[in-house]
Amino acid sequence: MTLVALIRHGPTAWNEQRRTQGHRDIPLSEKGRAEVSRWRVPKMLEGVRVVASPLSRATETALLLFGRAPEIEPRLIEMNWSAWEGRTLAELRVEHGSAFTANEARGLDFRPAGGESPREVRHRIAPWLAEVARAGEPVAAVTHLGVIRALTSLALDWDMTGEPPCTFERSAAHLFTLDADGHPSVKELNLPLSAASP
């Protein structure tokens, strides 16, 4: 079994405004940099291979947290929200009404206009998980909420309808183990990124 830890990037101005970011390369805010600077790597992740989404909010988080530049892994990029990037969910619900509500109810098959569904995110990251499993080396990956949710759905066979299995905390590592084929199982969600972490 191979350990994979997923960590969400620090806050950006768009996070603070509750705007969907998707592939838009929005950097960490000053507040976000200050927050990440207070995070601490859990002992179990010290010295592990570090990879990150190519977006600057993820690469900068990795550098601040681990003290070294990460390897870039394009498959860890956020879900593509296409034309809806920069919009809030509240705005989209008002603008699209019942059609948006019905789209949200599709769970894994929810799709932003011209964008990507969570199911497609799962398909995108599955080959990377298989590669990590074959290498057999623990990995810490700084990525995005959409990727964390997609991997969790794969691990728990969650169809992403109804309530999520937990609230995914930002200042936390989400730990999974991979079998020989790269299929994930949950080890621990929301391990705090604090000096007290084991």
N, C-alpha and C. Protein backbone atom coordinates (compact mmCIF):
# COMPACT_ATOMS: atom_id res chain seq x y z
N MET A 1 0.85 -1.20 0.00
CA MET A 1 0.00 0.00 0.00
C MET A 1 0.88 1.25 0.00
N THR A 2 0.55 2.18 -0.84
CA THR A 2 1.33 3.41 -1.00
C THR A 2 0.55 4.59 -0.45
N LEU A 3 1.22 5.41 0.35
CA LEU A 3 0.57 6.56 0.96
C LEU A 3 0.56 7.75 0.01
N VAL A 4 -0.61 8.38 -0.14
CA VAL A 4 -0.76 9.63 -0.89
C VAL A 4 -1.48 10.63 0.02
N ALA A 5 -0.90 11.81 0.17
CA ALA A 5 -1.53 12.88 0.96
C ALA A 5 -1.91 14.00 0.02
N LEU A 6 -3.17 14.40 0.03
CA LEU A 6 -3.62 15.54 -0.77
C LEU A 6 -3.82 16.73 0.15
N ILE A 7 -3.29 17.86 -0.27
CA ILE A 7 -3.37 19.11 0.49
C ILE A 7 -3.92 20.18 -0.43
N ARG A 8 -4.94 20.88 0.03
CA ARG A 8 -5.49 21.97 -0.77
C ARG A 8 -4.60 23.21 -0.65
N HIS A 9 -4.48 23.93 -1.75
CA HIS A 9 -3.70 25.18 -1.74
C HIS A 9 -4.26 26.17 -0.74
N GLY A 10 -3.45 27.17 -0.38
CA GLY A 10 -3.89 28.23 0.52
C GLY A 10 -4.89 29.16 -0.14
N PRO A 11 -5.48 30.06 0.64
CA PRO A 11 -6.53 30.93 0.13
C PRO A 11 -6.05 31.96 -0.88
N THR A 12 -6.95 32.28 -1.80
CA THR A 12 -6.74 33.34 -2.79
C THR A 12 -7.82 34.41 -2.58
N ALA A 13 -7.68 35.52 -3.28
CA ALA A 13 -8.73 36.55 -3.21
C ALA A 13 -10.05 36.01 -3.71
N TRP A 14 -10.01 35.16 -4.73
CA TRP A 14 -11.26 34.60 -5.26
C TRP A 14 -11.89 33.62 -4.27
N ASN A 15 -11.08 32.88 -3.52
CA ASN A 15 -11.64 32.05 -2.46
C ASN A 15 -12.40 32.91 -1.46
N GLU A 16 -11.78 34.03 -1.09
CA GLU A 16 -12.39 34.90 -0.09
C GLU A 16 -13.70 35.50 -0.62
N GLN A 17 -13.81 35.66 -1.95
CA GLN A 17 -15.03 36.17 -2.57
C GLN A 17 -15.99 35.06 -3.00
N ARG A 18 -15.59 33.80 -2.71
CA ARG A 18 -16.40 32.61 -3.02
C ARG A 18 -16.62 32.44 -4.53
N ARG A 19 -15.62 32.84 -5.31
CA ARG A 19 -15.69 32.69 -6.77
C ARG A 19 -15.07 31.37 -7.20
N THR A 20 -15.67 30.72 -8.19
CA THR A 20 -15.10 29.49 -8.73
C THR A 20 -13.84 29.85 -9.52
N GLN A 21 -12.78 29.09 -9.32
CA GLN A 21 -11.50 29.41 -9.95
C GLN A 21 -11.17 28.50 -11.12
N GLY A 22 -11.41 27.20 -10.95
CA GLY A 22 -11.11 26.28 -12.04
C GLY A 22 -9.68 26.39 -12.51
N HIS A 23 -9.49 26.50 -13.84
CA HIS A 23 -8.16 26.57 -14.42
C HIS A 23 -7.56 27.98 -14.38
N ARG A 24 -8.34 28.95 -13.95
CA ARG A 24 -7.81 30.32 -13.89
C ARG A 24 -6.67 30.37 -12.88
N ASP A 25 -5.55 30.99 -13.27
CA ASP A 25 -4.36 30.96 -12.42
C ASP A 25 -4.37 32.14 -11.45
N ILE A 26 -5.16 31.99 -10.40
CA ILE A 26 -5.29 33.03 -9.38
C ILE A 26 -4.25 32.74 -8.28
N PRO A 27 -3.37 33.71 -7.97
CA PRO A 27 -2.32 33.45 -6.97
C PRO A 27 -2.86 33.48 -5.55
N LEU A 28 -2.05 33.03 -4.62
CA LEU A 28 -2.39 33.19 -3.20
C LEU A 28 -2.52 34.67 -2.88
N SER A 29 -3.44 34.98 -1.99
CA SER A 29 -3.55 36.35 -1.48
C SER A 29 -2.49 36.54 -0.39
N GLU A 30 -2.27 37.78 0.01
CA GLU A 30 -1.35 38.03 1.11
C GLU A 30 -1.83 37.30 2.37
N LYS A 31 -3.12 37.34 2.59
CA LYS A 31 -3.70 36.61 3.72
C LYS A 31 -3.45 35.10 3.58
N GLY A 32 -3.58 34.60 2.36
CA GLY A 32 -3.33 33.19 2.10
C GLY A 32 -1.89 32.80 2.36
N ARG A 33 -0.95 33.63 1.92
CA ARG A 33 0.47 33.35 2.17
C ARG A 33 0.75 33.31 3.67
N ALA A 34 0.18 34.26 4.39
CA ALA A 34 0.38 34.29 5.84
C ALA A 34 -0.18 33.03 6.50
N GLU A 35 -1.35 32.58 6.01
CA GLU A 35 -1.95 31.37 6.58
C GLU A 35 -1.08 30.15 6.32
N VAL A 36 -0.65 29.98 5.07
CA VAL A 36 0.17 28.81 4.74
C VAL A 36 1.49 28.84 5.51
N SER A 37 2.04 30.01 5.75
CA SER A 37 3.30 30.11 6.48
C SER A 37 3.17 29.59 7.91
N ARG A 38 1.95 29.52 8.41
CA ARG A 38 1.73 28.98 9.77
C ARG A 38 1.52 27.46 9.77
N TRP A 39 1.32 26.88 8.60
CA TRP A 39 1.11 25.43 8.53
C TRP A 39 2.42 24.69 8.80
N ARG A 40 2.31 23.46 9.28
CA ARG A 40 3.48 22.61 9.52
C ARG A 40 3.24 21.24 8.90
N VAL A 41 4.28 20.67 8.35
CA VAL A 41 4.19 19.36 7.70
C VAL A 41 4.08 18.27 8.77
N PRO A 42 3.10 17.38 8.69
CA PRO A 42 3.05 16.24 9.62
C PRO A 42 4.32 15.39 9.50
N LYS A 43 4.77 14.83 10.60
CA LYS A 43 6.03 14.08 10.60
C LYS A 43 6.03 12.96 9.56
N MET A 44 4.86 12.32 9.35
CA MET A 44 4.81 11.22 8.40
C MET A 44 5.06 11.66 6.96
N LEU A 45 4.96 12.99 6.72
CA LEU A 45 5.18 13.50 5.36
C LEU A 45 6.52 14.21 5.20
N GLU A 46 7.31 14.25 6.25
CA GLU A 46 8.61 14.89 6.13
C GLU A 46 9.51 14.09 5.19
N GLY A 47 10.08 14.77 4.23
CA GLY A 47 11.02 14.13 3.30
C GLY A 47 10.39 13.36 2.17
N VAL A 48 9.05 13.34 2.06
CA VAL A 48 8.43 12.59 0.98
C VAL A 48 8.52 13.37 -0.34
N ARG A 49 8.27 12.70 -1.43
CA ARG A 49 8.20 13.35 -2.73
C ARG A 49 7.02 14.32 -2.73
N VAL A 50 7.25 15.52 -3.25
CA VAL A 50 6.23 16.56 -3.26
C VAL A 50 5.90 16.93 -4.70
N VAL A 51 4.61 16.87 -5.04
CA VAL A 51 4.15 17.25 -6.37
C VAL A 51 3.03 18.28 -6.21
N ALA A 52 2.74 18.99 -7.29
CA ALA A 52 1.69 20.00 -7.21
C ALA A 52 1.05 20.21 -8.57
N SER A 53 -0.17 20.69 -8.53
CA SER A 53 -0.86 21.22 -9.70
C SER A 53 0.01 22.31 -10.31
N PRO A 54 -0.10 22.54 -11.62
CA PRO A 54 0.70 23.59 -12.25
C PRO A 54 0.26 25.01 -11.91
N LEU A 55 -0.91 25.18 -11.29
CA LEU A 55 -1.39 26.53 -11.00
C LEU A 55 -0.60 27.13 -9.83
N SER A 56 -0.33 28.44 -9.92
CA SER A 56 0.59 29.08 -8.97
C SER A 56 0.10 29.00 -7.53
N ARG A 57 -1.21 28.97 -7.30
CA ARG A 57 -1.70 28.89 -5.93
C ARG A 57 -1.30 27.56 -5.28
N ALA A 58 -1.14 26.52 -6.09
CA ALA A 58 -0.70 25.22 -5.57
C ALA A 58 0.82 25.15 -5.46
N THR A 59 1.52 25.60 -6.48
CA THR A 59 2.99 25.51 -6.43
C THR A 59 3.56 26.38 -5.32
N GLU A 60 2.98 27.57 -5.11
CA GLU A 60 3.48 28.44 -4.04
C GLU A 60 3.16 27.84 -2.68
N THR A 61 1.99 27.25 -2.53
CA THR A 61 1.65 26.58 -1.27
C THR A 61 2.66 25.48 -0.97
N ALA A 62 2.98 24.67 -1.98
CA ALA A 62 3.95 23.59 -1.78
C ALA A 62 5.31 24.12 -1.36
N LEU A 63 5.75 25.19 -2.01
CA LEU A 63 7.05 25.77 -1.69
C LEU A 63 7.07 26.33 -0.27
N LEU A 64 6.02 27.03 0.11
CA LEU A 64 5.95 27.58 1.46
C LEU A 64 5.88 26.49 2.53
N LEU A 65 5.11 25.45 2.25
CA LEU A 65 4.89 24.40 3.25
C LEU A 65 6.07 23.45 3.38
N PHE A 66 6.61 23.01 2.24
CA PHE A 66 7.66 21.99 2.27
C PHE A 66 9.06 22.57 2.14
N GLY A 67 9.17 23.86 1.78
CA GLY A 67 10.48 24.48 1.70
C GLY A 67 11.27 24.12 0.47
N ARG A 68 10.61 23.53 -0.52
CA ARG A 68 11.29 23.21 -1.77
C ARG A 68 10.27 23.21 -2.90
N ALA A 69 10.76 23.47 -4.10
CA ALA A 69 9.87 23.52 -5.26
C ALA A 69 9.34 22.11 -5.55
N PRO A 70 8.04 22.01 -5.82
CA PRO A 70 7.45 20.69 -6.10
C PRO A 70 7.68 20.27 -7.54
N GLU A 71 7.53 18.98 -7.79
CA GLU A 71 7.39 18.50 -9.17
C GLU A 71 6.01 18.93 -9.66
N ILE A 72 5.91 19.31 -10.92
CA ILE A 72 4.62 19.74 -11.47
C ILE A 72 3.91 18.54 -12.08
N GLU A 73 2.66 18.34 -11.70
CA GLU A 73 1.85 17.26 -12.23
C GLU A 73 0.57 17.85 -12.82
N PRO A 74 0.50 18.00 -14.14
CA PRO A 74 -0.66 18.64 -14.78
C PRO A 74 -2.00 17.98 -14.46
N ARG A 75 -1.99 16.68 -14.19
CA ARG A 75 -3.26 15.99 -13.94
C ARG A 75 -3.88 16.36 -12.60
N LEU A 76 -3.14 17.10 -11.76
CA LEU A 76 -3.67 17.54 -10.47
C LEU A 76 -4.31 18.92 -10.54
N ILE A 77 -4.45 19.48 -11.73
CA ILE A 77 -5.09 20.78 -11.88
C ILE A 77 -6.56 20.72 -11.45
N GLU A 78 -7.10 21.86 -11.07
CA GLU A 78 -8.49 21.92 -10.61
C GLU A 78 -9.46 21.53 -11.74
N MET A 79 -10.67 21.15 -11.35
CA MET A 79 -11.74 20.89 -12.31
C MET A 79 -11.97 22.14 -13.17
N ASN A 80 -12.19 21.94 -14.44
CA ASN A 80 -12.38 23.04 -15.38
C ASN A 80 -13.82 23.56 -15.29
N TRP A 81 -13.97 24.81 -14.85
CA TRP A 81 -15.29 25.44 -14.76
C TRP A 81 -15.58 26.31 -15.98
N SER A 82 -14.63 26.41 -16.90
CA SER A 82 -14.81 27.08 -18.20
C SER A 82 -15.47 28.45 -18.07
N ALA A 83 -16.61 28.63 -18.74
CA ALA A 83 -17.28 29.94 -18.77
C ALA A 83 -17.78 30.38 -17.40
N TRP A 84 -17.88 29.47 -16.45
CA TRP A 84 -18.37 29.82 -15.12
C TRP A 84 -17.26 30.24 -14.17
N GLU A 85 -16.01 30.22 -14.62
CA GLU A 85 -14.92 30.65 -13.74
C GLU A 85 -15.07 32.13 -13.43
N GLY A 86 -14.86 32.46 -12.17
CA GLY A 86 -15.02 33.83 -11.71
C GLY A 86 -16.40 34.14 -11.17
N ARG A 87 -17.34 33.21 -11.35
CA ARG A 87 -18.71 33.40 -10.86
C ARG A 87 -18.85 32.71 -9.51
N THR A 88 -19.81 33.16 -8.71
CA THR A 88 -20.14 32.48 -7.46
C THR A 88 -21.28 31.51 -7.72
N LEU A 89 -21.38 30.49 -6.87
CA LEU A 89 -22.49 29.54 -7.00
C LEU A 89 -23.82 30.24 -6.81
N ALA A 90 -23.85 31.22 -5.91
CA ALA A 90 -25.10 31.96 -5.69
C ALA A 90 -25.53 32.68 -6.96
N GLU A 91 -24.60 33.30 -7.66
CA GLU A 91 -24.92 33.98 -8.92
C GLU A 91 -25.44 32.99 -9.96
N LEU A 92 -24.77 31.84 -10.05
CA LEU A 92 -25.15 30.85 -11.06
C LEU A 92 -26.53 30.27 -10.76
N ARG A 93 -26.84 30.07 -9.49
CA ARG A 93 -28.16 29.54 -9.13
C ARG A 93 -29.27 30.52 -9.50
N VAL A 94 -29.01 31.80 -9.29
CA VAL A 94 -30.01 32.81 -9.67
C VAL A 94 -30.15 32.89 -11.19
N GLU A 95 -29.02 32.91 -11.88
CA GLU A 95 -29.05 33.08 -13.34
C GLU A 95 -29.67 31.89 -14.06
N HIS A 96 -29.38 30.66 -13.61
CA HIS A 96 -29.81 29.46 -14.33
C HIS A 96 -30.99 28.75 -13.68
N GLY A 97 -31.35 29.16 -12.48
CA GLY A 97 -32.55 28.64 -11.83
C GLY A 97 -32.59 27.13 -11.69
N SER A 98 -33.73 26.55 -12.05
CA SER A 98 -33.94 25.11 -11.86
C SER A 98 -32.99 24.26 -12.68
N ALA A 99 -32.52 24.78 -13.81
CA ALA A 99 -31.57 24.02 -14.63
C ALA A 99 -30.26 23.81 -13.87
N PHE A 100 -29.85 24.83 -13.13
CA PHE A 100 -28.61 24.68 -12.36
C PHE A 100 -28.82 23.72 -11.21
N THR A 101 -29.97 23.80 -10.54
CA THR A 101 -30.28 22.88 -9.45
C THR A 101 -30.27 21.44 -9.94
N ALA A 102 -30.86 21.21 -11.11
CA ALA A 102 -30.88 19.86 -11.68
C ALA A 102 -29.47 19.40 -12.03
N ASN A 103 -28.65 20.31 -12.53
CA ASN A 103 -27.27 19.97 -12.87
C ASN A 103 -26.50 19.59 -11.60
N GLU A 104 -26.66 20.36 -10.53
CA GLU A 104 -25.99 20.05 -9.27
C GLU A 104 -26.39 18.67 -8.75
N ALA A 105 -27.66 18.31 -8.94
CA ALA A 105 -28.18 17.03 -8.45
C ALA A 105 -27.58 15.83 -9.19
N ARG A 106 -26.88 16.07 -10.27
CA ARG A 106 -26.28 14.98 -11.04
C ARG A 106 -25.01 14.43 -10.40
N GLY A 107 -24.52 15.08 -9.34
CA GLY A 107 -23.37 14.56 -8.60
C GLY A 107 -22.12 14.45 -9.46
N LEU A 108 -21.66 13.23 -9.65
CA LEU A 108 -20.44 13.00 -10.42
C LEU A 108 -20.54 13.54 -11.85
N ASP A 109 -21.75 13.67 -12.35
CA ASP A 109 -21.93 14.13 -13.73
C ASP A 109 -22.35 15.59 -13.83
N PHE A 110 -22.26 16.33 -12.71
CA PHE A 110 -22.44 17.78 -12.76
C PHE A 110 -21.40 18.37 -13.72
N ARG A 111 -21.84 19.26 -14.59
CA ARG A 111 -20.89 19.82 -15.55
C ARG A 111 -21.12 21.32 -15.73
N PRO A 112 -20.10 22.14 -15.43
CA PRO A 112 -20.19 23.56 -15.77
C PRO A 112 -20.28 23.72 -17.29
N ALA A 113 -20.87 24.83 -17.73
CA ALA A 113 -21.03 25.06 -19.17
C ALA A 113 -19.66 25.05 -19.85
N GLY A 114 -19.47 24.09 -20.74
CA GLY A 114 -18.21 23.96 -21.47
C GLY A 114 -17.07 23.40 -20.65
N GLY A 115 -17.35 22.97 -19.42
CA GLY A 115 -16.29 22.53 -18.52
C GLY A 115 -16.21 21.03 -18.34
N GLU A 116 -15.79 20.63 -17.16
CA GLU A 116 -15.42 19.25 -16.85
C GLU A 116 -16.25 18.75 -15.68
N SER A 117 -16.65 17.50 -15.71
CA SER A 117 -17.41 16.92 -14.60
C SER A 117 -16.47 16.29 -13.58
N PRO A 118 -16.92 16.10 -12.33
CA PRO A 118 -16.09 15.37 -11.36
C PRO A 118 -15.73 13.97 -11.84
N ARG A 119 -16.63 13.32 -12.58
CA ARG A 119 -16.30 11.98 -13.09
C ARG A 119 -15.09 12.05 -14.03
N GLU A 120 -15.05 13.12 -14.84
CA GLU A 120 -13.91 13.29 -15.75
C GLU A 120 -12.63 13.60 -14.98
N VAL A 121 -12.75 14.32 -13.86
CA VAL A 121 -11.58 14.54 -13.00
C VAL A 121 -11.08 13.20 -12.48
N ARG A 122 -11.98 12.33 -12.05
CA ARG A 122 -11.58 10.99 -11.60
C ARG A 122 -10.84 10.23 -12.69
N HIS A 123 -11.35 10.29 -13.91
CA HIS A 123 -10.67 9.61 -15.03
C HIS A 123 -9.29 10.21 -15.28
N ARG A 124 -9.18 11.53 -15.09
CA ARG A 124 -7.91 12.22 -15.32
C ARG A 124 -6.85 11.82 -14.30
N ILE A 125 -7.24 11.69 -13.02
CA ILE A 125 -6.24 11.41 -11.99
C ILE A 125 -5.96 9.91 -11.82
N ALA A 126 -6.83 9.04 -12.33
CA ALA A 126 -6.65 7.59 -12.14
C ALA A 126 -5.31 7.09 -12.67
N PRO A 127 -4.88 7.49 -13.88
CA PRO A 127 -3.56 7.02 -14.35
C PRO A 127 -2.42 7.51 -13.47
N TRP A 128 -2.54 8.73 -12.94
CA TRP A 128 -1.50 9.23 -12.04
C TRP A 128 -1.46 8.39 -10.77
N LEU A 129 -2.61 8.05 -10.21
CA LEU A 129 -2.64 7.21 -9.02
C LEU A 129 -1.99 5.86 -9.29
N ALA A 130 -2.25 5.29 -10.46
CA ALA A 130 -1.64 4.00 -10.82
C ALA A 130 -0.12 4.12 -10.91
N GLU A 131 0.36 5.23 -11.45
CA GLU A 131 1.81 5.45 -11.55
C GLU A 131 2.44 5.56 -10.16
N VAL A 132 1.77 6.28 -9.27
CA VAL A 132 2.27 6.42 -7.89
C VAL A 132 2.31 5.06 -7.21
N ALA A 133 1.26 4.26 -7.41
CA ALA A 133 1.22 2.93 -6.80
C ALA A 133 2.36 2.05 -7.33
N ARG A 134 2.62 2.12 -8.63
CA ARG A 134 3.71 1.31 -9.20
C ARG A 134 5.06 1.73 -8.63
N ALA A 135 5.25 3.02 -8.42
CA ALA A 135 6.52 3.51 -7.87
C ALA A 135 6.68 3.11 -6.41
N GLY A 136 5.55 3.01 -5.68
CA GLY A 136 5.58 2.56 -4.29
C GLY A 136 6.22 3.55 -3.32
N GLU A 137 6.27 4.82 -3.70
CA GLU A 137 6.91 5.85 -2.88
C GLU A 137 5.85 6.81 -2.36
N PRO A 138 5.85 7.13 -1.06
CA PRO A 138 4.84 8.06 -0.55
C PRO A 138 4.95 9.43 -1.21
N VAL A 139 3.80 10.05 -1.41
CA VAL A 139 3.74 11.32 -2.14
C VAL A 139 2.83 12.28 -1.39
N ALA A 140 3.24 13.54 -1.33
CA ALA A 140 2.37 14.63 -0.88
C ALA A 140 2.06 15.48 -2.10
N ALA A 141 0.77 15.70 -2.36
CA ALA A 141 0.34 16.43 -3.55
C ALA A 141 -0.46 17.66 -3.13
N VAL A 142 0.00 18.83 -3.55
CA VAL A 142 -0.74 20.07 -3.29
C VAL A 142 -1.63 20.32 -4.50
N THR A 143 -2.93 20.37 -4.26
CA THR A 143 -3.89 20.37 -5.35
C THR A 143 -5.09 21.25 -4.99
N HIS A 144 -6.28 20.85 -5.41
CA HIS A 144 -7.47 21.70 -5.32
C HIS A 144 -8.64 20.91 -4.74
N LEU A 145 -9.64 21.63 -4.25
CA LEU A 145 -10.79 20.98 -3.62
C LEU A 145 -11.49 20.02 -4.58
N GLY A 146 -11.64 20.41 -5.84
CA GLY A 146 -12.31 19.53 -6.80
C GLY A 146 -11.61 18.20 -6.96
N VAL A 147 -10.28 18.21 -6.93
CA VAL A 147 -9.50 16.97 -7.05
C VAL A 147 -9.62 16.15 -5.78
N ILE A 148 -9.57 16.81 -4.62
CA ILE A 148 -9.70 16.10 -3.35
C ILE A 148 -11.07 15.44 -3.25
N ARG A 149 -12.11 16.15 -3.64
CA ARG A 149 -13.45 15.58 -3.62
C ARG A 149 -13.58 14.40 -4.60
N ALA A 150 -12.98 14.54 -5.77
CA ALA A 150 -13.06 13.47 -6.77
C ALA A 150 -12.35 12.21 -6.29
N LEU A 151 -11.17 12.38 -5.70
CA LEU A 151 -10.44 11.21 -5.21
C LEU A 151 -11.18 10.57 -4.04
N THR A 152 -11.74 11.39 -3.16
CA THR A 152 -12.53 10.85 -2.04
C THR A 152 -13.74 10.08 -2.56
N SER A 153 -14.38 10.58 -3.60
CA SER A 153 -15.54 9.88 -4.16
C SER A 153 -15.13 8.52 -4.71
N LEU A 154 -13.94 8.47 -5.28
CA LEU A 154 -13.44 7.20 -5.81
C LEU A 154 -13.14 6.22 -4.67
N ALA A 155 -12.54 6.74 -3.59
CA ALA A 155 -12.18 5.89 -2.45
C ALA A 155 -13.41 5.35 -1.72
N LEU A 156 -14.45 6.18 -1.61
CA LEU A 156 -15.63 5.80 -0.82
C LEU A 156 -16.81 5.35 -1.68
N ASP A 157 -16.62 5.29 -2.98
CA ASP A 157 -17.70 4.98 -3.90
C ASP A 157 -18.88 5.92 -3.67
N TRP A 158 -18.56 7.19 -3.50
CA TRP A 158 -19.54 8.26 -3.25
C TRP A 158 -19.92 8.86 -4.60
N ASP A 159 -21.20 8.93 -4.87
CA ASP A 159 -21.65 9.45 -6.17
C ASP A 159 -21.77 10.98 -6.21
N MET A 160 -21.36 11.62 -5.11
CA MET A 160 -21.34 13.08 -4.98
C MET A 160 -22.73 13.70 -5.03
N THR A 161 -23.75 12.92 -4.72
CA THR A 161 -25.08 13.49 -4.50
C THR A 161 -25.28 13.57 -2.99
N GLY A 162 -26.13 14.49 -2.56
CA GLY A 162 -26.36 14.65 -1.14
C GLY A 162 -25.16 15.25 -0.44
N GLU A 163 -25.10 15.08 0.87
CA GLU A 163 -24.03 15.67 1.67
C GLU A 163 -22.71 14.94 1.46
N PRO A 164 -21.59 15.67 1.46
CA PRO A 164 -20.29 15.01 1.37
C PRO A 164 -20.00 14.23 2.65
N PRO A 165 -19.04 13.31 2.61
CA PRO A 165 -18.74 12.51 3.80
C PRO A 165 -18.18 13.33 4.95
N CYS A 166 -17.64 14.51 4.66
CA CYS A 166 -17.11 15.39 5.69
C CYS A 166 -16.94 16.78 5.09
N THR A 167 -16.62 17.74 5.95
CA THR A 167 -16.18 19.04 5.48
C THR A 167 -14.67 18.95 5.27
N PHE A 168 -14.21 19.27 4.09
CA PHE A 168 -12.78 19.17 3.80
C PHE A 168 -12.11 20.46 4.27
N GLU A 169 -11.38 20.36 5.37
CA GLU A 169 -10.71 21.54 5.93
C GLU A 169 -9.56 21.96 5.04
N ARG A 170 -9.33 23.27 4.97
CA ARG A 170 -8.24 23.75 4.12
C ARG A 170 -6.88 23.44 4.74
N SER A 171 -6.69 23.78 6.00
CA SER A 171 -5.37 23.59 6.62
C SER A 171 -5.24 22.16 7.14
N ALA A 172 -5.32 21.22 6.19
CA ALA A 172 -5.29 19.81 6.55
C ALA A 172 -4.73 18.98 5.41
N ALA A 173 -4.21 17.82 5.77
CA ALA A 173 -3.80 16.82 4.77
C ALA A 173 -4.85 15.71 4.77
N HIS A 174 -5.18 15.23 3.60
CA HIS A 174 -6.16 14.15 3.44
C HIS A 174 -5.38 12.93 2.96
N LEU A 175 -5.34 11.89 3.80
CA LEU A 175 -4.46 10.75 3.56
C LEU A 175 -5.22 9.58 2.96
N PHE A 176 -4.60 8.99 1.94
CA PHE A 176 -5.15 7.83 1.26
C PHE A 176 -4.05 6.79 1.09
N THR A 177 -4.46 5.52 1.01
CA THR A 177 -3.52 4.47 0.62
C THR A 177 -3.97 3.91 -0.72
N LEU A 178 -3.01 3.56 -1.54
CA LEU A 178 -3.29 3.03 -2.87
C LEU A 178 -2.96 1.54 -2.91
N ASP A 179 -3.85 0.74 -3.50
CA ASP A 179 -3.52 -0.67 -3.71
C ASP A 179 -2.59 -0.78 -4.91
N ALA A 180 -2.24 -1.99 -5.30
CA ALA A 180 -1.27 -2.19 -6.37
C ALA A 180 -1.72 -1.61 -7.70
N ASP A 181 -3.04 -1.49 -7.90
CA ASP A 181 -3.57 -0.94 -9.14
C ASP A 181 -3.82 0.57 -9.07
N GLY A 182 -3.57 1.17 -7.90
CA GLY A 182 -3.77 2.60 -7.74
C GLY A 182 -5.15 2.98 -7.23
N HIS A 183 -5.97 2.00 -6.83
CA HIS A 183 -7.28 2.35 -6.28
C HIS A 183 -7.10 2.86 -4.86
N PRO A 184 -7.68 4.03 -4.53
CA PRO A 184 -7.46 4.61 -3.20
C PRO A 184 -8.44 4.12 -2.14
N SER A 185 -7.95 4.11 -0.91
CA SER A 185 -8.79 3.92 0.28
C SER A 185 -8.47 5.06 1.23
N VAL A 186 -9.47 5.50 1.98
CA VAL A 186 -9.24 6.58 2.93
C VAL A 186 -8.45 6.06 4.13
N LYS A 187 -7.37 6.75 4.45
CA LYS A 187 -6.62 6.48 5.68
C LYS A 187 -7.04 7.46 6.76
N GLU A 188 -7.04 8.76 6.43
CA GLU A 188 -7.48 9.78 7.39
C GLU A 188 -7.78 11.06 6.62
N LEU A 189 -8.94 11.64 6.88
CA LEU A 189 -9.28 12.94 6.30
C LEU A 189 -9.08 14.01 7.37
N ASN A 190 -8.67 15.19 6.92
CA ASN A 190 -8.55 16.36 7.80
C ASN A 190 -7.50 16.20 8.90
N LEU A 191 -6.33 15.65 8.55
CA LEU A 191 -5.20 15.65 9.48
C LEU A 191 -4.67 17.08 9.55
N PRO A 192 -4.71 17.74 10.72
CA PRO A 192 -4.34 19.17 10.77
C PRO A 192 -2.89 19.41 10.39
N LEU A 193 -2.68 20.51 9.67
CA LEU A 193 -1.33 20.94 9.33
C LEU A 193 -0.83 21.87 10.42
N SER A 194 -0.50 21.27 11.54
CA SER A 194 -0.07 22.05 12.69
C SER A 194 1.15 21.37 13.30
N ALA A 195 1.81 22.12 14.18
CA ALA A 195 3.00 21.59 14.81
C ALA A 195 2.71 20.34 15.64
N ALA A 196 1.44 20.17 16.01
CA ALA A 196 1.06 19.02 16.84
C ALA A 196 0.72 17.79 16.03
N SER A 197 0.76 17.90 14.68
CA SER A 197 0.38 16.75 13.86
C SER A 197 1.37 15.61 14.06
N PRO A 198 0.88 14.36 14.08
CA PRO A 198 1.77 13.21 14.30
C PRO A 198 2.62 12.93 13.07
